[in-house]
Amino acid sequence: MTHALTKGHGTANDFVLLLDATGEHEITPEDVALLCDRRRGIGGDGLIRVVRSADAGIPEALEALAAGAEWFMDYRNGDGSIAEMCGNGVRVFAHYLFERGLADIVPGASLPVGTRGGVKHVTRVPDATGGNEAWYRVDMGRWEFPRSIADGADSLVSTAGIDVARPAISVDMGNPHTVVALAGAAELAAADLTRTPEVDPVPGSGTNVEYIVIEADHDGDPATGRLAMRVHERGVGETQSCGTGACAAALAARFWAGHGGPTLWTVVLPGGTVEVEIGETGVALSGPAVLVGDIALAPGMLSTAP
């Protein structure tokens, strides 16, 4: 065994975690793509290098260290490209640190985690679905609508399986998102996300595309809402869940709902359920994190060794 690897997931958004506490590993895009390959490797939507901020060798990690984050989440998409953030990945990252004794998450306190999208603060919370899974709440920080919105949209998205291009809203969560509202469950199911959606105008660094259906919420509370979602992630394809995408979806849904729209959203994804809280200055994501098991990788599988 030359590398300490672990498989984990958050609402079936799955990751390969590589422990590299002191920054000894040099993982190439080809290595990441191989490890995330579901036939030739371990399989995952992305790879997370678990590294101390002081040893990461990444400019954003030094900023995270100055802000009090001992650990940095070096996240790569399944194709090996670098991504700024991953909401499900942050929860799995924090759960990994907690389970491995690398960090303590005291009840009522938060753990700062460094990412390329800034420092995220993670708190352990009860399972909102009433189950026994480990749940974490992530303060996702500030967000913005990066483009001017006219008539409820700033772009058009063409999707295989859907007859015409649909209007959408761009949301910057530290990584780029484009949210499309569909008419109902049948249309959501019809979207063919094996093919990359066409977004006009094309974002400079690509985008994740979320398709949502706002569902009836029968609890009688105008502050709560519910939506179903599917997502096509840049560099990956369709995934079972996307944490930053769930936040972007809730923010777009609230925008479309107008003044006084819900601020607490239940987001139902193919891989499970998460909750999104919209505050005055930021947004928070809560959901489960699971470690599946450790992997003893055969020597010579990767291009570099520690």
Protein backbone atom coordinates (compact mmCIF):
# COMPACT_ATOMS: atom_id res chain seq x y z
CA MET A 1 0.00 0.00 0.00
CA THR A 2 1.51 3.29 -1.09
CA HIS A 3 -1.41 5.66 -0.54
CA ALA A 4 -4.02 5.93 2.26
CA LEU A 5 -7.35 6.14 0.43
CA THR A 6 -10.94 6.20 1.70
CA LYS A 7 -14.27 6.11 -0.14
CA GLY A 8 -17.03 8.39 1.13
CA HIS A 9 -20.21 10.08 -0.01
CA GLY A 10 -22.75 12.78 0.85
CA THR A 11 -26.23 11.94 -0.51
CA ALA A 12 -24.53 9.62 -3.03
CA ASN A 13 -22.23 12.37 -4.33
CA ASP A 14 -19.17 10.16 -3.90
CA PHE A 15 -15.49 10.87 -3.42
CA VAL A 16 -12.09 9.27 -3.13
CA LEU A 17 -10.26 10.79 -0.16
CA LEU A 18 -6.46 10.81 -0.10
CA LEU A 19 -4.75 11.51 3.22
CA ASP A 20 -1.71 13.70 2.53
CA ALA A 21 -1.36 15.53 5.85
CA THR A 22 2.09 16.99 5.19
CA GLY A 23 1.77 17.60 1.45
CA GLU A 24 4.04 14.79 0.22
CA HIS A 25 1.89 13.60 -2.69
CA GLU A 26 1.82 15.04 -6.18
CA ILE A 27 -1.39 13.80 -7.81
CA THR A 28 -1.73 14.46 -11.54
CA PRO A 29 -5.02 14.98 -13.40
CA GLU A 30 -4.46 11.55 -14.96
CA ASP A 31 -4.15 10.00 -11.48
CA VAL A 32 -7.39 11.63 -10.39
CA ALA A 33 -9.23 10.48 -13.51
CA LEU A 34 -7.98 6.91 -12.98
CA LEU A 35 -8.97 6.78 -9.30
CA CYS A 36 -12.41 8.22 -10.07
CA ASP A 37 -13.00 5.88 -13.03
CA ARG A 38 -15.82 3.50 -12.06
CA ARG A 39 -14.43 0.59 -14.09
CA ARG A 40 -10.65 0.99 -13.98
CA GLY A 41 -10.31 2.68 -10.60
CA ILE A 42 -12.18 3.10 -7.34
CA GLY A 43 -14.97 5.28 -8.68
CA GLY A 44 -16.10 8.72 -7.59
CA ASP A 45 -17.45 12.07 -8.69
CA GLY A 46 -14.24 13.64 -7.46
CA LEU A 47 -11.09 13.31 -5.38
CA ILE A 48 -10.40 15.11 -2.10
CA ARG A 49 -6.81 15.49 -0.93
CA VAL A 50 -6.82 15.88 2.86
CA VAL A 51 -3.87 18.14 3.65
CA ARG A 52 -2.87 20.61 6.34
CA SER A 53 -3.23 24.19 5.12
CA ALA A 54 0.38 24.95 6.02
CA ASP A 55 1.64 22.14 3.77
CA ALA A 56 -0.82 22.25 0.87
CA GLY A 57 1.31 24.34 -1.47
CA ILE A 58 -1.80 26.22 -2.62
CA PRO A 59 -2.20 30.02 -2.30
CA GLU A 60 -5.75 29.75 -0.96
CA ALA A 61 -4.51 27.35 1.72
CA LEU A 62 -2.22 30.02 3.18
CA GLU A 63 -5.21 32.37 3.37
CA ALA A 64 -7.18 29.59 5.07
CA LEU A 65 -4.39 29.04 7.58
CA ALA A 66 -4.35 32.74 8.43
CA ALA A 67 -8.11 32.50 9.02
CA GLY A 68 -7.66 29.62 11.48
CA ALA A 69 -8.27 26.58 9.25
CA GLU A 70 -5.72 23.86 10.06
CA TRP A 71 -6.99 21.58 7.28
CA PHE A 72 -7.51 22.28 3.57
CA MET A 73 -9.83 20.42 1.18
CA ASP A 74 -7.96 20.15 -2.13
CA TYR A 75 -10.84 19.11 -4.39
CA ARG A 76 -10.59 17.80 -7.96
CA ASN A 77 -13.42 16.90 -10.35
CA GLY A 78 -13.63 13.35 -11.63
CA ASP A 79 -11.86 14.32 -14.88
CA GLY A 80 -8.89 15.69 -12.92
CA SER A 81 -9.74 19.36 -13.27
CA ILE A 82 -9.59 21.61 -10.20
CA ALA A 83 -12.83 22.80 -8.62
CA GLU A 84 -13.31 25.70 -6.24
CA MET A 85 -15.77 24.08 -3.86
CA CYS A 86 -18.04 21.12 -3.19
CA GLY A 87 -20.76 21.36 -0.56
CA ASN A 88 -21.22 17.61 -0.16
CA GLY A 89 -17.45 17.16 -0.21
CA VAL A 90 -16.94 19.58 2.69
CA ARG A 91 -19.27 17.52 4.89
CA VAL A 92 -17.50 14.28 3.98
CA PHE A 93 -14.14 15.98 4.55
CA ALA A 94 -15.17 17.13 8.04
CA HIS A 95 -16.60 13.70 8.87
CA TYR A 96 -13.32 12.12 7.78
CA LEU A 97 -11.31 14.44 10.06
CA PHE A 98 -13.64 13.69 12.96
CA GLU A 99 -13.69 9.91 12.47
CA ARG A 100 -9.90 9.72 12.02
CA GLY A 101 -9.20 11.80 15.12
CA LEU A 102 -7.56 14.55 13.08
CA ALA A 103 -9.93 17.25 14.33
CA ASP A 104 -12.52 17.62 17.05
CA ILE A 105 -15.93 19.07 16.28
CA VAL A 106 -17.29 20.11 19.66
CA PRO A 107 -21.12 20.25 19.94
CA GLY A 108 -22.23 23.84 19.44
CA ALA A 109 -18.90 24.88 17.91
CA SER A 110 -17.73 24.88 14.31
CA LEU A 111 -14.67 23.56 12.51
CA PRO A 112 -13.07 25.88 9.93
CA VAL A 113 -12.19 24.10 6.69
CA GLY A 114 -10.07 25.69 3.96
CA THR A 115 -11.23 25.46 0.34
CA ARG A 116 -10.40 27.29 -2.88
CA GLY A 117 -13.79 28.96 -2.41
CA GLY A 118 -12.84 30.35 1.00
CA VAL A 119 -13.04 29.05 4.57
CA LYS A 120 -16.21 27.09 5.38
CA HIS A 121 -17.38 26.52 8.96
CA VAL A 122 -18.80 23.06 9.70
CA THR A 123 -21.02 22.09 12.66
CA ARG A 124 -22.41 18.69 13.68
CA VAL A 125 -26.23 18.73 13.71
CA PRO A 126 -29.05 16.16 14.19
CA ASP A 127 -30.28 14.16 11.21
CA ALA A 128 -33.11 16.32 9.84
CA THR A 129 -34.82 13.29 8.28
CA GLY A 130 -35.23 11.60 11.68
CA GLY A 131 -32.62 8.91 10.93
CA ASN A 132 -29.31 8.11 12.56
CA GLU A 133 -26.84 9.30 9.93
CA ALA A 134 -24.09 11.77 10.78
CA TRP A 135 -25.28 15.20 9.64
CA TYR A 136 -23.24 18.37 9.27
CA ARG A 137 -24.20 21.99 8.67
CA VAL A 138 -21.84 24.01 6.48
CA ASP A 139 -21.81 27.80 6.47
CA MET A 140 -21.34 28.23 2.74
CA GLY A 141 -20.68 31.95 3.02
CA ARG A 142 -21.58 34.66 0.58
CA TRP A 143 -23.09 34.09 -2.84
CA GLU A 144 -24.15 36.30 -5.71
CA PHE A 145 -26.10 36.52 -8.92
CA PRO A 146 -23.15 37.39 -11.20
CA ARG A 147 -25.20 38.60 -14.17
CA SER A 148 -27.94 41.14 -14.61
CA ILE A 149 -31.33 39.38 -14.43
CA ALA A 150 -34.06 40.54 -16.79
CA ASP A 151 -37.57 39.03 -16.83
CA GLY A 152 -36.52 36.37 -14.34
CA ALA A 153 -33.50 35.02 -16.23
CA ASP A 154 -30.00 35.83 -17.43
CA SER A 155 -29.29 32.90 -19.75
CA LEU A 156 -30.82 30.11 -21.83
CA VAL A 157 -30.13 26.39 -21.46
CA SER A 158 -30.71 23.81 -24.20
CA THR A 159 -31.04 20.24 -22.91
CA ALA A 160 -31.43 16.92 -24.69
CA GLY A 161 -34.87 15.52 -23.97
CA ILE A 162 -36.47 18.94 -23.41
CA ASP A 163 -38.13 20.47 -26.44
CA VAL A 164 -36.95 24.08 -26.30
CA ALA A 165 -34.27 26.14 -24.57
CA ARG A 166 -35.34 27.22 -21.10
CA PRO A 167 -34.53 30.44 -19.22
CA ALA A 168 -32.14 30.15 -16.28
CA ILE A 169 -30.42 32.11 -13.52
CA SER A 170 -26.67 32.08 -12.87
CA VAL A 171 -25.58 31.73 -9.23
CA ASP A 172 -22.01 32.06 -7.96
CA MET A 173 -21.44 29.88 -4.89
CA GLY A 174 -17.67 30.17 -5.09
CA ASN A 175 -18.14 27.87 -8.07
CA PRO A 176 -20.46 28.55 -11.02
CA HIS A 177 -24.07 27.33 -11.33
CA THR A 178 -26.92 27.77 -13.76
CA VAL A 179 -30.42 26.95 -12.46
CA VAL A 180 -33.30 25.96 -14.74
CA ALA A 181 -36.91 25.69 -13.49
CA LEU A 182 -39.03 22.98 -15.15
CA ALA A 183 -42.80 22.52 -15.24
CA GLY A 184 -43.08 19.21 -13.41
CA ALA A 185 -41.71 15.80 -12.49
CA ALA A 186 -42.21 14.34 -15.98
CA GLU A 187 -40.08 17.04 -17.58
CA LEU A 188 -37.42 16.63 -14.87
CA ALA A 189 -37.26 12.91 -15.61
CA ALA A 190 -37.13 13.51 -19.38
CA ALA A 191 -33.94 15.60 -19.26
CA ASP A 192 -31.09 13.60 -20.83
CA LEU A 193 -28.08 14.53 -18.72
CA THR A 194 -25.79 12.01 -20.36
CA ARG A 195 -25.12 14.90 -22.74
CA THR A 196 -23.70 18.26 -21.66
CA PRO A 197 -26.32 21.03 -21.62
CA GLU A 198 -25.69 24.05 -23.85
CA VAL A 199 -25.68 27.31 -21.89
CA ASP A 200 -26.00 30.68 -23.65
CA PRO A 201 -24.05 32.80 -22.91
CA VAL A 202 -21.33 30.25 -22.27
CA PRO A 203 -19.67 30.81 -18.84
CA GLY A 204 -15.93 31.38 -19.11
CA SER A 205 -14.93 28.54 -16.78
CA GLY A 206 -17.88 26.26 -17.45
CA THR A 207 -20.85 25.76 -15.14
CA ASN A 208 -22.84 23.22 -13.19
CA VAL A 209 -26.44 23.07 -14.40
CA GLU A 210 -29.29 22.40 -11.95
CA TYR A 211 -32.80 21.41 -13.06
CA ILE A 212 -35.47 22.00 -10.45
CA VAL A 213 -39.18 21.52 -9.88
CA ILE A 214 -40.69 23.52 -7.04
CA GLU A 215 -43.01 21.16 -5.17
CA ALA A 216 -46.01 21.74 -2.94
CA ASP A 217 -45.08 22.24 0.70
CA HIS A 218 -47.98 21.18 2.91
CA ASP A 219 -46.72 22.27 6.33
CA GLY A 220 -48.45 25.65 6.09
CA ASP A 221 -45.30 27.60 6.92
CA PRO A 222 -44.52 30.30 4.31
CA ALA A 223 -40.88 30.32 5.45
CA THR A 224 -40.30 26.75 4.21
CA GLY A 225 -40.19 25.39 0.69
CA ARG A 226 -39.47 22.12 -1.08
CA LEU A 227 -37.98 21.31 -4.46
CA ALA A 228 -36.76 18.33 -6.47
CA MET A 229 -33.48 18.60 -8.38
CA ARG A 230 -31.17 16.91 -10.84
CA VAL A 231 -27.73 18.22 -11.74
CA HIS A 232 -25.13 18.02 -14.49
CA GLU A 233 -21.73 18.85 -12.96
CA ARG A 234 -18.96 20.29 -15.09
CA GLY A 235 -16.12 17.83 -15.54
CA VAL A 236 -18.25 14.93 -14.25
CA GLY A 237 -21.68 14.62 -15.90
CA GLU A 238 -24.86 13.86 -13.99
CA THR A 239 -24.29 13.16 -10.31
CA GLN A 240 -26.68 11.95 -7.65
CA SER A 241 -26.28 15.17 -5.66
CA CYS A 242 -24.48 18.52 -5.56
CA GLY A 243 -24.28 20.55 -2.36
CA THR A 244 -23.37 23.92 -3.83
CA GLY A 245 -25.93 23.17 -6.55
CA ALA A 246 -28.65 22.60 -3.95
CA CYS A 247 -27.81 26.01 -2.46
CA ALA A 248 -27.91 27.64 -5.90
CA ALA A 249 -31.24 25.95 -6.63
CA ALA A 250 -32.78 27.20 -3.38
CA LEU A 251 -31.51 30.73 -4.01
CA ALA A 252 -32.96 30.77 -7.53
CA ALA A 253 -36.26 29.32 -6.31
CA ARG A 254 -36.52 32.01 -3.65
CA PHE A 255 -35.77 34.69 -6.24
CA TRP A 256 -38.56 33.39 -8.45
CA ALA A 257 -40.91 33.19 -5.44
CA GLY A 258 -40.51 36.92 -4.90
CA HIS A 259 -40.43 39.02 -1.75
CA GLY A 260 -41.26 36.95 1.32
CA GLY A 261 -40.39 33.66 -0.36
CA PRO A 262 -39.20 30.67 1.71
CA THR A 263 -35.84 30.89 3.45
CA LEU A 264 -35.59 27.22 4.52
CA TRP A 265 -35.66 24.74 1.64
CA THR A 266 -35.78 20.96 1.61
CA VAL A 267 -33.99 19.83 -1.55
CA VAL A 268 -34.74 16.29 -2.73
CA LEU A 269 -32.02 14.84 -4.96
CA PRO A 270 -31.67 11.39 -6.53
CA GLY A 271 -29.08 10.56 -3.84
CA GLY A 272 -30.97 11.86 -0.81
CA THR A 273 -32.22 14.96 0.96
CA VAL A 274 -30.45 18.11 2.15
CA GLU A 275 -31.59 21.35 3.75
CA VAL A 276 -30.64 24.88 2.67
CA GLU A 277 -31.03 27.92 4.94
CA ILE A 278 -30.93 31.36 3.32
CA GLY A 279 -29.81 34.15 5.63
CA GLU A 280 -29.31 37.88 5.28
CA THR A 281 -25.65 37.61 4.25
CA GLY A 282 -25.08 33.96 3.40
CA VAL A 283 -26.45 30.47 2.97
CA ALA A 284 -25.99 27.23 4.92
CA LEU A 285 -26.21 23.61 3.77
CA SER A 286 -27.05 20.66 6.03
CA GLY A 287 -26.90 16.99 5.08
CA PRO A 288 -25.39 13.59 5.77
CA ALA A 289 -21.83 12.32 5.37
CA VAL A 290 -20.80 8.67 5.12
CA LEU A 291 -17.42 6.92 5.02
CA VAL A 292 -17.78 3.67 3.10
CA GLY A 293 -14.37 2.13 3.76
CA ASP A 294 -10.61 2.30 3.33
CA ILE A 295 -8.82 1.08 0.22
CA ALA A 296 -5.40 -0.54 -0.05
CA LEU A 297 -4.22 0.66 -3.46
CA ALA A 298 -1.91 -1.65 -5.37
CA PRO A 299 1.66 -0.33 -5.81
CA GLY A 300 2.28 1.25 -9.18
CA MET A 301 -1.35 2.29 -9.74
CA LEU A 302 -0.46 5.97 -9.69
CA SER A 303 2.22 7.93 -11.49
CA THR A 304 3.74 9.26 -8.28
CA ALA A 305 4.52 7.77 -4.90
CA PRO A 306 4.94 9.48 -1.52
